[in-house]
């Protein structure tokens, strides 16, 4: 028991500001998931619904958010069925445009879980395995191919088709379908999750690096970010600790500036650097000092709070579906009416 307390204390001591923010967002997401589960459970009983449906659960509907944004660009109409999904995707893109894919390493609960898994695996086995670049590069393309497919689907749908999809019985219960993906897990789902779990213990950011289309979109947005990791060659002592610490396996110690879309702005390279000011996270062309970890974390959290609050007070957060309609549709959750509608992919 004493050794366990010492281990916990040592882990807590190693947590930096980013890790605490990750833990906070992970705890928030877990709480939202539990509240949604209790809401669905209460609504299925047919009596009064006293638990509110949390809008944040729509963060797990990124494809719906992408389709909703396509409709908004074309028609100016906001998705009233799952409006928070659009807000969360918009926030993720905004933060990635500002601070180079930082959504993935600071806010995303899946990213936090993935990071925790590979660190745990490294503790158990002594080190994480790195996939050879010959295999690593084609594997990394998978997430971009998945993103391309989803973007193609969204672009192939006209405004009327998207409106019909958003008003379909299936989409109105898409969050429940996502919940059932885990609570009614099939053998195939269990096997896939098992493979991802084992892979996440062995390889750094296994899911995020190779399969996450959401992360691929953030990486594309990050290309346009004005902020980068800068290495000052005249100050650097070439210890290569930054390269070893980089969760994305980027050669920080050999570059004057990191432009890769794989950089998540985690600032771990800066945290381990023994030489003050050898590495900075700063705006390109900027003459001022770079952002500290604390300043960056504070800014990201303030943006998050501001975006969510603005969405709530302007009516762009809570779903238009009433508890009564939700309860009625929940009774038919397994009916053919709530099967995913077919999407007509148009060929040009």
Protein backbone atom coordinates (compact mmCIF):
# COMPACT_ATOMS: atom_id res chain seq x y z
CA UNK A 1 0.00 0.00 0.00
CA UNK A 2 2.86 2.36 0.86
CA UNK A 3 4.55 1.67 -2.49
CA UNK A 4 1.26 2.34 -4.30
CA UNK A 5 0.93 5.74 -2.57
CA UNK A 6 4.49 6.60 -3.56
CA UNK A 7 3.76 5.61 -7.17
CA UNK A 8 0.60 7.73 -7.29
CA UNK A 9 2.48 10.70 -5.82
CA UNK A 10 5.26 10.34 -8.38
CA UNK A 11 2.74 10.25 -11.22
CA UNK A 12 0.92 13.33 -9.90
CA UNK A 13 4.22 15.21 -9.61
CA UNK A 14 4.96 14.53 -13.28
CA UNK A 15 1.64 15.96 -14.48
CA UNK A 16 1.99 19.36 -16.12
CA UNK A 17 -0.65 22.00 -16.84
CA UNK A 18 -1.67 20.33 -20.09
CA UNK A 19 -2.12 16.97 -18.38
CA UNK A 20 -4.37 18.54 -15.72
CA UNK A 21 -6.48 20.19 -18.43
CA UNK A 22 -6.68 16.84 -20.24
CA UNK A 23 -7.81 15.14 -17.04
CA UNK A 24 -10.38 17.86 -16.44
CA UNK A 25 -11.82 17.53 -19.95
CA UNK A 26 -11.81 13.73 -19.67
CA UNK A 27 -13.68 13.95 -16.35
CA UNK A 28 -16.16 16.42 -17.89
CA UNK A 29 -16.74 14.09 -20.85
CA UNK A 30 -17.22 11.12 -18.53
CA UNK A 31 -19.76 13.10 -16.52
CA UNK A 32 -21.62 14.10 -19.68
CA UNK A 33 -21.67 10.48 -20.83
CA UNK A 34 -23.04 9.32 -17.47
CA UNK A 35 -25.70 12.04 -17.48
CA UNK A 36 -26.76 11.08 -21.00
CA UNK A 37 -26.94 7.40 -20.02
CA UNK A 38 -29.18 8.26 -17.05
CA UNK A 39 -31.28 10.56 -19.25
CA UNK A 40 -31.83 7.79 -21.82
CA UNK A 41 -32.58 5.27 -19.08
CA UNK A 42 -35.17 7.56 -17.46
CA UNK A 43 -36.73 8.48 -20.81
CA UNK A 44 -37.12 4.78 -21.67
CA UNK A 45 -39.30 4.21 -18.60
CA UNK A 46 -42.15 6.31 -19.97
CA UNK A 47 -42.57 8.52 -16.91
CA UNK A 48 -41.60 12.17 -16.34
CA UNK A 49 -38.08 13.06 -17.51
CA UNK A 50 -36.31 15.12 -14.84
CA UNK A 51 -32.73 14.63 -16.06
CA UNK A 52 -31.72 17.05 -18.80
CA UNK A 53 -30.12 15.85 -22.00
CA UNK A 54 -26.50 17.18 -22.10
CA UNK A 55 -25.66 18.90 -25.37
CA UNK A 56 -21.98 18.04 -24.98
CA UNK A 57 -22.68 14.41 -25.86
CA UNK A 58 -22.98 15.55 -29.48
CA UNK A 59 -19.23 15.90 -29.60
CA UNK A 60 -19.29 12.21 -30.50
CA UNK A 61 -21.25 12.96 -33.70
CA UNK A 62 -18.50 14.54 -35.85
CA UNK A 63 -19.92 13.26 -39.15
CA UNK A 64 -23.28 14.85 -38.38
CA UNK A 65 -21.43 18.06 -37.49
CA UNK A 66 -19.57 17.99 -40.80
CA UNK A 67 -22.82 17.56 -42.73
CA UNK A 68 -24.43 20.29 -40.62
CA UNK A 69 -21.63 22.71 -41.47
CA UNK A 70 -22.00 21.92 -45.18
CA UNK A 71 -25.70 22.81 -44.93
CA UNK A 72 -24.95 25.98 -42.97
CA UNK A 73 -22.45 27.17 -45.60
CA UNK A 74 -24.95 26.52 -48.41
CA UNK A 75 -28.20 27.69 -46.79
CA UNK A 76 -27.26 29.58 -43.62
CA UNK A 77 -29.45 27.20 -41.56
CA UNK A 78 -28.12 25.81 -38.27
CA UNK A 79 -28.75 22.17 -37.35
CA UNK A 80 -31.48 22.34 -34.71
CA UNK A 81 -31.43 18.59 -34.02
CA UNK A 82 -27.80 18.27 -32.88
CA UNK A 83 -26.63 21.89 -32.75
CA UNK A 84 -23.86 21.33 -30.17
CA UNK A 85 -22.12 18.94 -32.58
CA UNK A 86 -21.51 21.87 -34.93
CA UNK A 87 -20.35 24.08 -32.06
CA UNK A 88 -17.81 21.54 -30.83
CA UNK A 89 -16.44 20.88 -34.32
CA UNK A 90 -16.23 24.64 -34.91
CA UNK A 91 -14.34 25.10 -31.63
CA UNK A 92 -11.91 22.29 -32.50
CA UNK A 93 -11.17 23.84 -35.89
CA UNK A 94 -10.77 27.31 -34.40
CA UNK A 95 -8.27 26.14 -31.79
CA UNK A 96 -6.35 24.13 -34.39
CA UNK A 97 -6.20 27.13 -36.71
CA UNK A 98 -4.87 29.25 -33.87
CA UNK A 99 -2.53 26.88 -32.04
CA UNK A 100 -1.56 24.08 -34.43
CA UNK A 101 -3.74 21.03 -33.73
CA UNK A 102 -3.73 21.72 -30.01
CA UNK A 103 -7.32 20.45 -29.70
CA UNK A 104 -5.99 16.90 -29.99
CA UNK A 105 -3.41 17.19 -27.20
CA UNK A 106 -5.22 19.58 -24.83
CA UNK A 107 -8.99 19.01 -25.12
CA UNK A 108 -9.88 15.76 -26.90
CA UNK A 109 -10.82 13.06 -24.33
CA UNK A 110 -9.91 10.30 -26.79
CA UNK A 111 -6.50 11.92 -27.21
CA UNK A 112 -6.08 12.00 -23.42
CA UNK A 113 -7.05 8.33 -23.16
CA UNK A 114 -4.69 7.41 -26.00
CA UNK A 115 -1.81 9.28 -24.37
CA UNK A 116 -2.48 7.63 -21.03
CA UNK A 117 -2.52 4.20 -22.69
CA UNK A 118 0.86 4.49 -24.42
CA UNK A 119 2.45 5.95 -21.31
CA UNK A 120 1.07 3.05 -19.28
CA UNK A 121 2.33 0.59 -21.87
CA UNK A 122 5.76 2.21 -21.76
CA UNK A 123 5.83 1.82 -17.98
CA UNK A 124 4.86 -1.84 -18.20
CA UNK A 125 7.24 -2.90 -20.99
CA UNK A 126 9.99 -0.32 -20.50
CA UNK A 127 9.46 1.42 -23.85
CA UNK A 128 7.01 1.94 -26.70
CA UNK A 129 7.57 0.37 -30.09
CA UNK A 130 8.05 2.64 -33.10
CA UNK A 131 6.73 1.43 -36.45
CA UNK A 132 9.29 1.58 -39.25
CA UNK A 133 8.83 4.65 -41.50
CA UNK A 134 8.32 2.36 -44.51
CA UNK A 135 5.09 1.14 -42.87
CA UNK A 136 4.35 4.23 -40.78
CA UNK A 137 3.78 6.59 -43.73
CA UNK A 138 1.13 4.50 -45.51
CA UNK A 139 -0.58 3.75 -42.19
CA UNK A 140 -0.82 7.47 -41.44
CA UNK A 141 -2.65 7.97 -44.72
CA UNK A 142 -5.58 5.89 -43.43
CA UNK A 143 -6.99 8.73 -41.33
CA UNK A 144 -6.82 11.11 -44.29
CA UNK A 145 -8.54 8.59 -46.55
CA UNK A 146 -11.32 8.21 -43.96
CA UNK A 147 -11.65 11.99 -43.75
CA UNK A 148 -11.74 12.22 -47.55
CA UNK A 149 -14.58 9.70 -47.63
CA UNK A 150 -16.66 11.62 -45.08
CA UNK A 151 -15.99 14.94 -46.82
CA UNK A 152 -16.99 13.34 -50.13
CA UNK A 153 -20.25 12.11 -48.60
CA UNK A 154 -21.01 15.58 -47.23
CA UNK A 155 -20.16 17.28 -50.51
CA UNK A 156 -22.19 14.76 -52.51
CA UNK A 157 -25.36 15.59 -50.59
CA UNK A 158 -27.42 18.53 -51.72
CA UNK A 159 -29.05 20.96 -49.28
CA UNK A 160 -32.43 19.21 -49.58
CA UNK A 161 -30.87 15.79 -48.97
CA UNK A 162 -29.04 17.08 -45.91
CA UNK A 163 -32.23 18.66 -44.56
CA UNK A 164 -34.07 15.36 -45.06
CA UNK A 165 -31.25 13.48 -43.32
CA UNK A 166 -31.21 15.89 -40.37
CA UNK A 167 -34.97 15.50 -39.94
CA UNK A 168 -34.86 11.72 -40.34
CA UNK A 169 -35.84 9.54 -37.35
CA UNK A 170 -32.37 7.97 -37.41
CA UNK A 171 -30.46 11.23 -37.08
CA UNK A 172 -32.73 12.46 -34.31
CA UNK A 173 -31.65 9.42 -32.30
CA UNK A 174 -28.05 9.25 -33.54
CA UNK A 175 -26.69 10.02 -30.07
CA UNK A 176 -28.59 7.03 -28.65
CA UNK A 177 -27.28 4.86 -31.49
CA UNK A 178 -23.76 5.95 -30.50
CA UNK A 179 -24.49 5.07 -26.87
CA UNK A 180 -25.74 1.63 -27.92
CA UNK A 181 -22.54 1.14 -29.92
CA UNK A 182 -20.85 0.69 -26.52
CA UNK A 183 -23.67 -0.57 -24.28
CA UNK A 184 -24.84 -3.15 -26.84
CA UNK A 185 -21.41 -4.04 -28.10
CA UNK A 186 -21.22 -6.63 -30.86
CA UNK A 187 -18.43 -9.18 -31.11
CA UNK A 188 -16.92 -7.27 -34.05
CA UNK A 189 -16.94 -4.02 -32.08
CA UNK A 190 -15.34 -5.75 -29.08
CA UNK A 191 -12.58 -7.26 -31.25
CA UNK A 192 -11.85 -3.91 -32.94
CA UNK A 193 -11.73 -2.07 -29.60
CA UNK A 194 -9.52 -4.82 -28.22
CA UNK A 195 -7.06 -4.44 -31.09
CA UNK A 196 -7.04 -0.65 -30.65
CA UNK A 197 -6.45 -1.05 -26.90
CA UNK A 198 -3.49 -3.38 -27.39
CA UNK A 199 -2.11 -1.16 -30.16
CA UNK A 200 -2.48 1.90 -27.92
CA UNK A 201 -0.43 0.23 -25.19
CA UNK A 202 2.39 -0.65 -27.59
CA UNK A 203 2.52 2.32 -29.97
CA UNK A 204 2.36 6.04 -29.20
CA UNK A 205 -1.06 7.50 -30.05
CA UNK A 206 -2.03 4.45 -32.10
CA UNK A 207 -5.62 5.55 -32.84
CA UNK A 208 -4.85 9.24 -33.22
CA UNK A 209 -1.82 8.74 -35.44
CA UNK A 210 -3.29 6.25 -37.88
CA UNK A 211 -7.08 6.11 -37.79
CA UNK A 212 -8.72 9.29 -36.44
CA UNK A 213 -10.36 11.31 -39.27
CA UNK A 214 -11.20 14.06 -36.75
CA UNK A 215 -7.48 14.44 -36.03
CA UNK A 216 -6.75 14.43 -39.76
CA UNK A 217 -9.09 17.40 -40.19
CA UNK A 218 -7.40 19.21 -37.29
CA UNK A 219 -4.02 18.52 -38.90
CA UNK A 220 -5.13 20.10 -42.17
CA UNK A 221 -6.41 23.14 -40.26
CA UNK A 222 -3.09 23.30 -38.38
CA UNK A 223 -1.21 23.79 -41.66
CA UNK A 224 -2.70 27.29 -41.74
CA UNK A 225 -1.88 28.05 -38.11
CA UNK A 226 0.56 30.95 -37.58
CA UNK A 227 2.02 29.24 -34.49
CA UNK A 228 4.90 26.77 -34.65
CA UNK A 229 7.57 25.17 -32.49
CA UNK A 230 10.78 27.14 -33.19
CA UNK A 231 14.26 25.84 -32.36
CA UNK A 232 17.04 28.41 -31.90
CA UNK A 233 20.08 26.64 -33.26
CA UNK A 234 22.56 29.00 -31.59
CA UNK A 235 21.13 28.14 -28.16
CA UNK A 236 20.38 24.42 -28.69
CA UNK A 237 22.91 21.98 -27.18
CA UNK A 238 21.73 19.07 -29.41
CA UNK A 239 20.84 16.77 -26.52
CA UNK A 240 17.88 15.41 -28.59
CA UNK A 241 15.63 15.17 -25.54
CA UNK A 242 12.95 17.07 -27.47
CA UNK A 243 12.92 14.49 -30.26
CA UNK A 244 12.72 11.64 -27.75
CA UNK A 245 9.82 13.30 -25.92
CA UNK A 246 7.76 14.13 -29.02
CA UNK A 247 4.69 11.84 -29.06
CA UNK A 248 4.45 12.30 -32.84
CA UNK A 249 8.06 11.19 -33.46
CA UNK A 250 8.99 14.51 -35.05
CA UNK A 251 12.72 15.35 -35.46
CA UNK A 252 12.49 18.50 -33.35
CA UNK A 253 16.25 18.56 -32.65
CA UNK A 254 17.06 18.67 -36.38
CA UNK A 255 14.57 21.33 -37.47
CA UNK A 256 14.55 25.08 -36.99
CA UNK A 257 10.77 25.10 -37.25
CA UNK A 258 8.18 22.32 -37.01
CA UNK A 259 5.66 22.61 -39.84
CA UNK A 260 4.31 19.05 -39.76
CA UNK A 261 0.51 18.61 -39.46
CA UNK A 262 1.32 15.81 -37.00
CA UNK A 263 2.54 18.35 -34.41
CA UNK A 264 -0.18 18.65 -31.76
CA UNK A 265 1.20 21.68 -29.95
CA UNK A 266 1.55 19.60 -26.77
CA UNK A 267 4.76 21.49 -25.89
CA UNK A 268 6.32 18.38 -24.34
CA UNK A 269 9.48 19.11 -26.30
CA UNK A 270 9.73 22.51 -24.59
CA UNK A 271 9.01 20.98 -21.18
CA UNK A 272 11.97 18.57 -21.37
CA UNK A 273 14.43 21.00 -22.97
CA UNK A 274 17.27 21.70 -20.48
CA UNK A 275 18.33 24.90 -22.22
CA UNK A 276 16.18 27.98 -21.61
CA UNK A 277 14.76 29.56 -24.79
CA UNK A 278 16.23 26.90 -27.10
CA UNK A 279 12.66 25.96 -28.04
CA UNK A 280 9.65 28.25 -28.25
CA UNK A 281 6.06 27.95 -29.37
CA UNK A 282 5.63 31.24 -31.16
CA UNK A 283 3.93 32.99 -34.03
CA UNK A 284 5.77 32.97 -37.36
CA UNK A 285 7.36 36.35 -37.93
CA UNK A 286 6.59 37.40 -34.36
CA UNK A 287 9.35 39.13 -32.45
CA UNK A 288 7.87 38.63 -28.98
CA UNK A 289 8.59 35.66 -26.74
CA UNK A 290 6.65 32.47 -27.40
CA UNK A 291 3.62 31.25 -25.47
CA UNK A 292 4.23 29.51 -22.17
CA UNK A 293 2.36 26.29 -21.40
CA UNK A 294 0.25 28.11 -18.81
CA UNK A 295 -0.68 30.96 -21.17
CA UNK A 296 -1.62 28.56 -23.93
CA UNK A 297 -3.73 26.38 -21.64
CA UNK A 298 -5.52 29.39 -20.17
CA UNK A 299 -6.26 30.77 -23.63
CA UNK A 300 -7.65 27.49 -24.93
CA UNK A 301 -9.91 27.01 -21.89
CA UNK A 302 -11.19 30.60 -22.10
CA UNK A 303 -12.00 30.10 -25.79
CA UNK A 304 -13.81 26.85 -24.95
CA UNK A 305 -15.89 28.46 -22.20
CA UNK A 306 -16.62 31.48 -24.38
CA UNK A 307 -17.73 29.42 -27.41
CA UNK A 308 -19.98 27.12 -25.37
CA UNK A 309 -21.51 30.00 -23.40
CA UNK A 310 -22.15 32.02 -26.57
CA UNK A 311 -23.81 28.98 -28.18
CA UNK A 312 -26.03 28.45 -25.13
CA UNK A 313 -27.29 32.03 -24.84
CA UNK A 314 -27.91 32.32 -28.60
CA UNK A 315 -29.87 29.06 -28.82
CA UNK A 316 -27.25 27.14 -30.80
CA UNK A 317 -26.52 24.46 -28.18
CA UNK A 318 -29.61 22.63 -26.94
CA UNK A 319 -31.49 20.26 -29.25
CA UNK A 320 -34.99 21.16 -30.41
CA UNK A 321 -36.15 17.60 -29.66
CA UNK A 322 -38.44 17.68 -26.63
CA UNK A 323 -38.19 15.03 -23.89
CA UNK A 324 -41.63 13.77 -24.96
CA UNK A 325 -40.58 13.29 -28.60
CA UNK A 326 -37.33 11.73 -27.45
CA UNK A 327 -39.19 9.23 -25.27
CA UNK A 328 -41.57 8.34 -28.10
CA UNK A 329 -38.75 7.75 -30.57
CA UNK A 330 -36.71 5.86 -27.99
CA UNK A 331 -39.46 3.21 -27.84
CA UNK A 332 -38.88 2.57 -31.55
CA UNK A 333 -35.08 2.60 -31.35
CA UNK A 334 -34.79 -0.93 -32.76
CA UNK A 335 -37.41 -0.51 -35.48
CA UNK A 336 -36.50 -0.48 -39.21
CA UNK A 337 -37.53 3.20 -39.26
CA UNK A 338 -34.39 4.06 -37.31
CA UNK A 339 -31.93 2.29 -39.59
CA UNK A 340 -29.30 4.59 -41.08
CA UNK A 341 -30.79 6.09 -44.27
CA UNK A 342 -28.99 5.38 -47.52
CA UNK A 343 -26.84 8.16 -48.93
CA UNK A 344 -26.85 8.67 -52.67
CA UNK A 345 -23.26 9.36 -53.70
CA UNK A 346 -23.44 11.37 -56.87
CA UNK A 347 -20.84 10.91 -59.54
CA UNK A 348 -19.73 14.01 -61.37
